[in-house]
Amino acid sequence: MGWTWDVIGCYTLDRQDTPLRGVQVSNKRDLTILERKLKTVSSLDELYGFANRRKVLGLQDGEFADRVAPRWTEDERRLILARKYELEKLCGMKR
């Protein structure tokens, strides 16, 4: 199940990605999709917004939040942190 922006400006469920730039909504998520997305992240601020999307979007815990922005798995968290360290290294920042 995914979301698509329709002609009248509403999100509708009909595909396998969310409005959050193509991140798949599924219990069985493919890490290569997340890896490709993370490669497009070019700043720590962008990464923060993506990694903490539930907080940034103001979603409270619940069924709706879990459908729109599921919690990250441990493997996904590891990939996000690895990208954070890469960006910090590129910017000359310390961890």
PDB file of N, CA and C in Angstrom:
ATOM      1  N   MET A   1       0.825  -1.170   0.000  1.00  0.00           N
ATOM      2  CA  MET A   1       0.000   0.000   0.000  1.00  0.00           C
ATOM      3  C   MET A   1       0.876   1.243   0.000  1.00  0.00           C
ATOM      4  N   GLY A   2       0.564   2.233  -0.800  1.00  0.00           N
ATOM      5  CA  GLY A   2       1.327   3.467  -0.851  1.00  0.00           C
ATOM      6  C   GLY A   2       0.414   4.654  -1.041  1.00  0.00           C
ATOM      7  N   TRP A   3       1.010   5.792  -1.228  1.00  0.00           N
ATOM      8  CA  TRP A   3       0.253   7.033  -1.339  1.00  0.00           C
ATOM      9  C   TRP A   3       0.598   7.720  -2.654  1.00  0.00           C
ATOM     10  N   THR A   4      -0.401   8.336  -3.268  1.00  0.00           N
ATOM     11  CA  THR A   4      -0.212   9.119  -4.472  1.00  0.00           C
ATOM     12  C   THR A   4      -0.953  10.434  -4.312  1.00  0.00           C
ATOM     13  N   TRP A   5      -0.322  11.507  -4.747  1.00  0.00           N
ATOM     14  CA  TRP A   5      -0.971  12.815  -4.727  1.00  0.00           C
ATOM     15  C   TRP A   5      -1.921  12.863  -5.907  1.00  0.00           C
ATOM     16  N   ASP A   6      -3.220  13.059  -5.654  1.00  0.00           N
ATOM     17  CA  ASP A   6      -4.171  13.056  -6.765  1.00  0.00           C
ATOM     18  C   ASP A   6      -4.422  14.478  -7.275  1.00  0.00           C
ATOM     19  N   VAL A   7      -5.264  14.596  -8.266  1.00  0.00           N
ATOM     20  CA  VAL A   7      -5.501  15.856  -8.960  1.00  0.00           C
ATOM     21  C   VAL A   7      -6.055  16.938  -8.037  1.00  0.00           C
ATOM     22  N   ILE A   8      -6.871  16.567  -7.057  1.00  0.00           N
ATOM     23  CA  ILE A   8      -7.473  17.579  -6.180  1.00  0.00           C
ATOM     24  C   ILE A   8      -6.641  17.860  -4.939  1.00  0.00           C
ATOM     25  N   GLY A   9      -5.442  17.312  -4.874  1.00  0.00           N
ATOM     26  CA  GLY A   9      -4.545  17.642  -3.775  1.00  0.00           C
ATOM     27  C   GLY A   9      -4.683  16.781  -2.544  1.00  0.00           C
ATOM     28  N   CYS A  10      -5.086  15.545  -2.716  1.00  0.00           N
ATOM     29  CA  CYS A  10      -5.209  14.620  -1.589  1.00  0.00           C
ATOM     30  C   CYS A  10      -4.321  13.408  -1.839  1.00  0.00           C
ATOM     31  N   TYR A  11      -3.845  12.817  -0.763  1.00  0.00           N
ATOM     32  CA  TYR A  11      -3.089  11.582  -0.911  1.00  0.00           C
ATOM     33  C   TYR A  11      -4.047  10.412  -0.966  1.00  0.00           C
ATOM     34  N   THR A  12      -3.810   9.509  -1.899  1.00  0.00           N
ATOM     35  CA  THR A  12      -4.628   8.313  -2.012  1.00  0.00           C
ATOM     36  C   THR A  12      -3.728   7.090  -1.967  1.00  0.00           C
ATOM     37  N   LEU A  13      -4.251   6.015  -1.394  1.00  0.00           N
ATOM     38  CA  LEU A  13      -3.489   4.774  -1.292  1.00  0.00           C
ATOM     39  C   LEU A  13      -3.620   3.986  -2.579  1.00  0.00           C
ATOM     40  N   ASP A  14      -2.477   3.711  -3.214  1.00  0.00           N
ATOM     41  CA  ASP A  14      -2.551   2.862  -4.397  1.00  0.00           C
ATOM     42  C   ASP A  14      -1.220   2.319  -4.871  1.00  0.00           C
ATOM     43  N   ARG A  15      -0.086   2.747  -4.280  1.00  0.00           N
ATOM     44  CA  ARG A  15       1.203   2.227  -4.724  1.00  0.00           C
ATOM     45  C   ARG A  15       2.039   1.815  -3.524  1.00  0.00           C
ATOM     46  N   GLN A  16       3.287   1.448  -3.789  1.00  0.00           N
ATOM     47  CA  GLN A  16       4.163   0.950  -2.739  1.00  0.00           C
ATOM     48  C   GLN A  16       5.121   1.990  -2.175  1.00  0.00           C
ATOM     49  N   ASP A  17       4.939   3.279  -2.406  1.00  0.00           N
ATOM     50  CA  ASP A  17       5.803   4.230  -1.738  1.00  0.00           C
ATOM     51  C   ASP A  17       4.988   5.322  -1.070  1.00  0.00           C
ATOM     52  N   THR A  18       5.606   5.999  -0.137  1.00  0.00           N
ATOM     53  CA  THR A  18       4.946   7.042   0.626  1.00  0.00           C
ATOM     54  C   THR A  18       5.193   8.388  -0.036  1.00  0.00           C
ATOM     55  N   PRO A  19       4.522   9.424   0.443  1.00  0.00           N
ATOM     56  CA  PRO A  19       4.829  10.758  -0.057  1.00  0.00           C
ATOM     57  C   PRO A  19       6.197  11.226   0.440  1.00  0.00           C
ATOM     58  N   LEU A  20       6.860  10.445   1.254  1.00  0.00           N
ATOM     59  CA  LEU A  20       8.158  10.806   1.800  1.00  0.00           C
ATOM     60  C   LEU A  20       9.263  10.385   0.849  1.00  0.00           C
ATOM     61  N   ARG A  21       9.165  10.816  -0.378  1.00  0.00           N
ATOM     62  CA  ARG A  21      10.184  10.642  -1.417  1.00  0.00           C
ATOM     63  C   ARG A  21      10.525   9.195  -1.722  1.00  0.00           C
ATOM     64  N   GLY A  22       9.522   8.374  -1.898  1.00  0.00           N
ATOM     65  CA  GLY A  22       9.760   7.033  -2.413  1.00  0.00           C
ATOM     66  C   GLY A  22      10.231   5.998  -1.425  1.00  0.00           C
ATOM     67  N   VAL A  23      10.068   6.240  -0.139  1.00  0.00           N
ATOM     68  CA  VAL A  23      10.448   5.226   0.839  1.00  0.00           C
ATOM     69  C   VAL A  23       9.288   4.260   0.987  1.00  0.00           C
ATOM     70  N   GLN A  24       9.555   3.013   0.774  1.00  0.00           N
ATOM     71  CA  GLN A  24       8.536   1.987   0.730  1.00  0.00           C
ATOM     72  C   GLN A  24       7.870   1.783   2.082  1.00  0.00           C
ATOM     73  N   VAL A  25       6.543   1.581   2.081  1.00  0.00           N
ATOM     74  CA  VAL A  25       5.787   1.256   3.285  1.00  0.00           C
ATOM     75  C   VAL A  25       5.480  -0.232   3.234  1.00  0.00           C
ATOM     76  N   SER A  26       6.080  -0.967   4.116  1.00  0.00           N
ATOM     77  CA  SER A  26       5.889  -2.411   4.133  1.00  0.00           C
ATOM     78  C   SER A  26       6.611  -2.973   5.333  1.00  0.00           C
ATOM     79  N   ASN A  27       6.122  -4.089   5.843  1.00  0.00           N
ATOM     80  CA  ASN A  27       6.838  -4.760   6.925  1.00  0.00           C
ATOM     81  C   ASN A  27       8.117  -5.386   6.407  1.00  0.00           C
ATOM     82  N   LYS A  28       8.156  -5.657   5.123  1.00  0.00           N
ATOM     83  CA  LYS A  28       9.297  -6.312   4.495  1.00  0.00           C
ATOM     84  C   LYS A  28       9.965  -5.314   3.552  1.00  0.00           C
ATOM     85  N   ARG A  29      10.688  -4.369   4.124  1.00  0.00           N
ATOM     86  CA  ARG A  29      11.281  -3.294   3.328  1.00  0.00           C
ATOM     87  C   ARG A  29      12.618  -3.713   2.744  1.00  0.00           C
ATOM     88  N   ASP A  30      12.852  -3.262   1.548  1.00  0.00           N
ATOM     89  CA  ASP A  30      14.087  -3.548   0.832  1.00  0.00           C
ATOM     90  C   ASP A  30      15.104  -2.459   1.177  1.00  0.00           C
ATOM     91  N   LEU A  31      16.235  -2.848   1.748  1.00  0.00           N
ATOM     92  CA  LEU A  31      17.238  -1.877   2.175  1.00  0.00           C
ATOM     93  C   LEU A  31      17.898  -1.158   1.004  1.00  0.00           C
ATOM     94  N   THR A  32      17.876  -1.744  -0.188  1.00  0.00           N
ATOM     95  CA  THR A  32      18.496  -1.065  -1.323  1.00  0.00           C
ATOM     96  C   THR A  32      17.743   0.208  -1.683  1.00  0.00           C
ATOM     97  N   ILE A  33      16.448   0.231  -1.462  1.00  0.00           N
ATOM     98  CA  ILE A  33      15.657   1.439  -1.715  1.00  0.00           C
ATOM     99  C   ILE A  33      16.107   2.544  -0.769  1.00  0.00           C
ATOM    100  N   LEU A  34      16.261   2.207   0.505  1.00  0.00           N
ATOM    101  CA  LEU A  34      16.716   3.191   1.486  1.00  0.00           C
ATOM    102  C   LEU A  34      18.145   3.637   1.178  1.00  0.00           C
ATOM    103  N   GLU A  35      18.996   2.722   0.791  1.00  0.00           N
ATOM    104  CA  GLU A  35      20.382   3.080   0.441  1.00  0.00           C
ATOM    105  C   GLU A  35      20.413   4.084  -0.705  1.00  0.00           C
ATOM    106  N   ARG A  36      19.595   3.857  -1.728  1.00  0.00           N
ATOM    107  CA  ARG A  36      19.534   4.795  -2.858  1.00  0.00           C
ATOM    108  C   ARG A  36      19.024   6.154  -2.407  1.00  0.00           C
ATOM    109  N   LYS A  37      18.019   6.163  -1.548  1.00  0.00           N
ATOM    110  CA  LYS A  37      17.485   7.422  -1.040  1.00  0.00           C
ATOM    111  C   LYS A  37      18.548   8.166  -0.249  1.00  0.00           C
ATOM    112  N   LEU A  38      19.253   7.463   0.617  1.00  0.00           N
ATOM    113  CA  LEU A  38      20.256   8.107   1.466  1.00  0.00           C
ATOM    114  C   LEU A  38      21.390   8.703   0.642  1.00  0.00           C
ATOM    115  N   LYS A  39      21.704   8.110  -0.497  1.00  0.00           N
ATOM    116  CA  LYS A  39      22.752   8.664  -1.363  1.00  0.00           C
ATOM    117  C   LYS A  39      22.353  10.016  -1.935  1.00  0.00           C
ATOM    118  N   THR A  40      21.055  10.303  -2.007  1.00  0.00           N
ATOM    119  CA  THR A  40      20.590  11.590  -2.533  1.00  0.00           C
ATOM    120  C   THR A  40      20.577  12.678  -1.466  1.00  0.00           C
ATOM    121  N   VAL A  41      20.712  12.298  -0.212  1.00  0.00           N
ATOM    122  CA  VAL A  41      20.718  13.273   0.887  1.00  0.00           C
ATOM    123  C   VAL A  41      22.054  14.001   0.873  1.00  0.00           C
ATOM    124  N   SER A  42      21.994  15.333   0.812  1.00  0.00           N
ATOM    125  CA  SER A  42      23.227  16.103   0.649  1.00  0.00           C
ATOM    126  C   SER A  42      23.598  16.974   1.846  1.00  0.00           C
ATOM    127  N   SER A  43      22.787  16.969   2.897  1.00  0.00           N
ATOM    128  CA  SER A  43      23.124  17.775   4.069  1.00  0.00           C
ATOM    129  C   SER A  43      22.648  17.083   5.347  1.00  0.00           C
ATOM    130  N   LEU A  44      23.264  17.464   6.446  1.00  0.00           N
ATOM    131  CA  LEU A  44      22.870  16.903   7.737  1.00  0.00           C
ATOM    132  C   LEU A  44      21.453  17.325   8.109  1.00  0.00           C
ATOM    133  N   ASP A  45      21.053  18.543   7.735  1.00  0.00           N
ATOM    134  CA  ASP A  45      19.692  18.999   8.020  1.00  0.00           C
ATOM    135  C   ASP A  45      18.660  18.162   7.280  1.00  0.00           C
ATOM    136  N   GLU A  46      18.948  17.877   6.020  1.00  0.00           N
ATOM    137  CA  GLU A  46      18.044  17.039   5.238  1.00  0.00           C
ATOM    138  C   GLU A  46      17.966  15.640   5.837  1.00  0.00           C
ATOM    139  N   LEU A  47      19.104  15.103   6.234  1.00  0.00           N
ATOM    140  CA  LEU A  47      19.127  13.778   6.844  1.00  0.00           C
ATOM    141  C   LEU A  47      18.346  13.769   8.147  1.00  0.00           C
ATOM    142  N   TYR A  48      18.499  14.831   8.959  1.00  0.00           N
ATOM    143  CA  TYR A  48      17.757  14.928  10.217  1.00  0.00           C
ATOM    144  C   TYR A  48      16.251  14.889   9.948  1.00  0.00           C
ATOM    145  N   GLY A  49      15.801  15.679   8.982  1.00  0.00           N
ATOM    146  CA  GLY A  49      14.376  15.711   8.654  1.00  0.00           C
ATOM    147  C   GLY A  49      13.866  14.370   8.170  1.00  0.00           C
ATOM    148  N   PHE A  50      14.674  13.688   7.384  1.00  0.00           N
ATOM    149  CA  PHE A  50      14.279  12.378   6.873  1.00  0.00           C
ATOM    150  C   PHE A  50      14.280  11.328   7.982  1.00  0.00           C
ATOM    151  N   ALA A  51      15.359  11.285   8.761  1.00  0.00           N
ATOM    152  CA  ALA A  51      15.489  10.270   9.806  1.00  0.00           C
ATOM    153  C   ALA A  51      14.457  10.461  10.916  1.00  0.00           C
ATOM    154  N   ASN A  52      14.102  11.692  11.194  1.00  0.00           N
ATOM    155  CA  ASN A  52      13.158  12.001  12.266  1.00  0.00           C
ATOM    156  C   ASN A  52      11.830  12.485  11.698  1.00  0.00           C
ATOM    157  N   ARG A  53      11.416  11.876  10.596  1.00  0.00           N
ATOM    158  CA  ARG A  53      10.239  12.326   9.872  1.00  0.00           C
ATOM    159  C   ARG A  53       8.974  12.333  10.711  1.00  0.00           C
ATOM    160  N   ARG A  54       8.819  11.399  11.621  1.00  0.00           N
ATOM    161  CA  ARG A  54       7.631  11.371  12.467  1.00  0.00           C
ATOM    162  C   ARG A  54       7.565  12.617  13.351  1.00  0.00           C
ATOM    163  N   LYS A  55       8.712  12.988  13.911  1.00  0.00           N
ATOM    164  CA  LYS A  55       8.783  14.178  14.754  1.00  0.00           C
ATOM    165  C   LYS A  55       8.585  15.444  13.922  1.00  0.00           C
ATOM    166  N   VAL A  56       9.268  15.517  12.781  1.00  0.00           N
ATOM    167  CA  VAL A  56       9.196  16.693  11.912  1.00  0.00           C
ATOM    168  C   VAL A  56       7.769  16.904  11.403  1.00  0.00           C
ATOM    169  N   LEU A  57       7.087  15.812  11.069  1.00  0.00           N
ATOM    170  CA  LEU A  57       5.717  15.907  10.566  1.00  0.00           C
ATOM    171  C   LEU A  57       4.686  16.052  11.681  1.00  0.00           C
ATOM    172  N   GLY A  58       5.130  15.936  12.941  1.00  0.00           N
ATOM    173  CA  GLY A  58       4.223  16.066  14.077  1.00  0.00           C
ATOM    174  C   GLY A  58       3.270  14.901  14.225  1.00  0.00           C
ATOM    175  N   LEU A  59       3.709  13.712  13.831  1.00  0.00           N
ATOM    176  CA  LEU A  59       2.855  12.527  13.930  1.00  0.00           C
ATOM    177  C   LEU A  59       2.940  11.925  15.324  1.00  0.00           C
ATOM    178  N   GLN A  60       1.803  11.711  15.939  1.00  0.00           N
ATOM    179  CA  GLN A  60       1.749  11.046  17.230  1.00  0.00           C
ATOM    180  C   GLN A  60       1.776   9.538  17.000  1.00  0.00           C
ATOM    181  N   ASP A  61       2.215   8.793  17.996  1.00  0.00           N
ATOM    182  CA  ASP A  61       2.207   7.338  17.863  1.00  0.00           C
ATOM    183  C   ASP A  61       0.783   6.861  17.629  1.00  0.00           C
ATOM    184  N   GLY A  62       0.654   5.901  16.763  1.00  0.00           N
ATOM    185  CA  GLY A  62      -0.659   5.341  16.465  1.00  0.00           C
ATOM    186  C   GLY A  62      -0.662   4.683  15.106  1.00  0.00           C
ATOM    187  N   GLU A  63      -1.818   4.144  14.758  1.00  0.00           N
ATOM    188  CA  GLU A  63      -1.944   3.396  13.506  1.00  0.00           C
ATOM    189  C   GLU A  63      -1.692   4.278  12.287  1.00  0.00           C
ATOM    190  N   PHE A  64      -2.197   5.514  12.285  1.00  0.00           N
ATOM    191  CA  PHE A  64      -1.991   6.408  11.144  1.00  0.00           C
ATOM    192  C   PHE A  64      -0.509   6.718  10.972  1.00  0.00           C
ATOM    193  N   ALA A  65       0.171   7.054  12.064  1.00  0.00           N
ATOM    194  CA  ALA A  65       1.605   7.364  12.000  1.00  0.00           C
ATOM    195  C   ALA A  65       2.394   6.160  11.508  1.00  0.00           C
ATOM    196  N   ASP A  66       2.016   4.977  11.941  1.00  0.00           N
ATOM    197  CA  ASP A  66       2.721   3.769  11.513  1.00  0.00           C
ATOM    198  C   ASP A  66       2.513   3.481  10.030  1.00  0.00           C
ATOM    199  N   ARG A  67       1.364   3.869   9.489  1.00  0.00           N
ATOM    200  CA  ARG A  67       1.128   3.670   8.056  1.00  0.00           C
ATOM    201  C   ARG A  67       1.866   4.712   7.223  1.00  0.00           C
ATOM    202  N   VAL A  68       1.871   5.960   7.671  1.00  0.00           N
ATOM    203  CA  VAL A  68       2.492   7.039   6.908  1.00  0.00           C
ATOM    204  C   VAL A  68       4.011   7.015   7.034  1.00  0.00           C
ATOM    205  N   ALA A  69       4.501   6.808   8.252  1.00  0.00           N
ATOM    206  CA  ALA A  69       5.948   6.834   8.500  1.00  0.00           C
ATOM    207  C   ALA A  69       6.294   5.736   9.506  1.00  0.00           C
ATOM    208  N   PRO A  70       6.440   4.509   9.023  1.00  0.00           N
ATOM    209  CA  PRO A  70       6.744   3.405   9.936  1.00  0.00           C
ATOM    210  C   PRO A  70       8.068   3.625  10.666  1.00  0.00           C
ATOM    211  N   ARG A  71       8.164   3.048  11.835  1.00  0.00           N
ATOM    212  CA  ARG A  71       9.414   3.158  12.600  1.00  0.00           C
ATOM    213  C   ARG A  71      10.537   2.483  11.841  1.00  0.00           C
ATOM    214  N   TRP A  72      11.758   3.009  12.005  1.00  0.00           N
ATOM    215  CA  TRP A  72      12.921   2.431  11.352  1.00  0.00           C
ATOM    216  C   TRP A  72      13.299   1.119  12.023  1.00  0.00           C
ATOM    217  N   THR A  73      13.736   0.158  11.224  1.00  0.00           N
ATOM    218  CA  THR A  73      14.276  -1.089  11.768  1.00  0.00           C
ATOM    219  C   THR A  73      15.727  -0.826  12.193  1.00  0.00           C
ATOM    220  N   GLU A  74      16.323  -1.758  12.903  1.00  0.00           N
ATOM    221  CA  GLU A  74      17.724  -1.594  13.320  1.00  0.00           C
ATOM    222  C   GLU A  74      18.659  -1.480  12.114  1.00  0.00           C
ATOM    223  N   ASP A  75      18.413  -2.266  11.077  1.00  0.00           N
ATOM    224  CA  ASP A  75      19.240  -2.190   9.866  1.00  0.00           C
ATOM    225  C   ASP A  75      19.101  -0.830   9.191  1.00  0.00           C
ATOM    226  N   GLU A  76      17.887  -0.300   9.166  1.00  0.00           N
ATOM    227  CA  GLU A  76      17.663   1.013   8.571  1.00  0.00           C
ATOM    228  C   GLU A  76      18.356   2.102   9.391  1.00  0.00           C
ATOM    229  N   ARG A  77      18.277   1.996  10.707  1.00  0.00           N
ATOM    230  CA  ARG A  77      18.971   2.959  11.577  1.00  0.00           C
ATOM    231  C   ARG A  77      20.479   2.934  11.324  1.00  0.00           C
ATOM    232  N   ARG A  78      21.017   1.739  11.147  1.00  0.00           N
ATOM    233  CA  ARG A  78      22.448   1.593  10.877  1.00  0.00           C
ATOM    234  C   ARG A  78      22.832   2.315   9.583  1.00  0.00           C
ATOM    235  N   LEU A  79      22.013   2.166   8.539  1.00  0.00           N
ATOM    236  CA  LEU A  79      22.284   2.839   7.264  1.00  0.00           C
ATOM    237  C   LEU A  79      22.192   4.361   7.406  1.00  0.00           C
ATOM    238  N   ILE A  80      21.221   4.830   8.156  1.00  0.00           N
ATOM    239  CA  ILE A  80      21.052   6.273   8.371  1.00  0.00           C
ATOM    240  C   ILE A  80      22.253   6.837   9.123  1.00  0.00           C
ATOM    241  N   LEU A  81      22.691   6.144  10.155  1.00  0.00           N
ATOM    242  CA  LEU A  81      23.860   6.601  10.913  1.00  0.00           C
ATOM    243  C   LEU A  81      25.125   6.578  10.051  1.00  0.00           C
ATOM    244  N   ALA A  82      25.260   5.568   9.214  1.00  0.00           N
ATOM    245  CA  ALA A  82      26.426   5.507   8.323  1.00  0.00           C
ATOM    246  C   ALA A  82      26.436   6.717   7.393  1.00  0.00           C
ATOM    247  N   ARG A  83      25.272   7.098   6.863  1.00  0.00           N
ATOM    248  CA  ARG A  83      25.207   8.280   5.987  1.00  0.00           C
ATOM    249  C   ARG A  83      25.516   9.544   6.784  1.00  0.00           C
ATOM    250  N   LYS A  84      25.058   9.598   8.031  1.00  0.00           N
ATOM    251  CA  LYS A  84      25.357  10.753   8.881  1.00  0.00           C
ATOM    252  C   LYS A  84      26.867  10.904   9.039  1.00  0.00           C
ATOM    253  N   TYR A  85      27.549   9.804   9.320  1.00  0.00           N
ATOM    254  CA  TYR A  85      29.005   9.850   9.495  1.00  0.00           C
ATOM    255  C   TYR A  85      29.706  10.252   8.199  1.00  0.00           C
ATOM    256  N   GLU A  86      29.196   9.772   7.051  1.00  0.00           N
ATOM    257  CA  GLU A  86      29.770  10.168   5.756  1.00  0.00           C
ATOM    258  C   GLU A  86      29.635  11.675   5.543  1.00  0.00           C
ATOM    259  N   LEU A  87      28.444  12.210   5.832  1.00  0.00           N
ATOM    260  CA  LEU A  87      28.225  13.643   5.651  1.00  0.00           C
ATOM    261  C   LEU A  87      29.082  14.463   6.600  1.00  0.00           C
ATOM    262  N   GLU A  88      29.227  13.999   7.836  1.00  0.00           N
ATOM    263  CA  GLU A  88      30.072  14.706   8.794  1.00  0.00           C
ATOM    264  C   GLU A  88      31.526  14.716   8.323  1.00  0.00           C
ATOM    265  N   LYS A  89      31.959  13.599   7.781  1.00  0.00           N
ATOM    266  CA  LYS A  89      33.332  13.513   7.273  1.00  0.00           C
ATOM    267  C   LYS A  89      33.527  14.465   6.088  1.00  0.00           C
ATOM    268  N   LEU A  90      32.548  14.511   5.199  1.00  0.00           N
ATOM    269  CA  LEU A  90      32.627  15.406   4.047  1.00  0.00           C
ATOM    270  C   LEU A  90      32.651  16.869   4.468  1.00  0.00           C
ATOM    271  N   CYS A  91      31.943  17.178   5.540  1.00  0.00           N
ATOM    272  CA  CYS A  91      31.867  18.569   6.025  1.00  0.00           C
ATOM    273  C   CYS A  91      33.012  18.897   6.991  1.00  0.00           C
ATOM    274  N   GLY A  92      33.847  17.910   7.309  1.00  0.00           N
ATOM    275  CA  GLY A  92      34.953  18.138   8.222  1.00  0.00           C
ATOM    276  C   GLY A  92      34.518  18.276   9.663  1.00  0.00           C
ATOM    277  N   MET A  93      33.385  17.661  10.012  1.00  0.00           N
ATOM    278  CA  MET A  93      32.881  17.744  11.383  1.00  0.00           C
ATOM    279  C   MET A  93      33.308  16.522  12.172  1.00  0.00           C
ATOM    280  N   LYS A  94      33.389  16.676  13.491  1.00  0.00           N
ATOM    281  CA  LYS A  94      33.699  15.540  14.357  1.00  0.00           C
ATOM    282  C   LYS A  94      32.419  14.831  14.734  1.00  0.00           C
ATOM    283  N   ARG A  95      32.548  13.517  15.028  1.00  0.00           N
ATOM    284  CA  ARG A  95      31.408  12.757  15.501  1.00  0.00           C
ATOM    285  C   ARG A  95      31.243  12.936  16.984  1.00  0.00           C
TER     286      ARG A  95
END
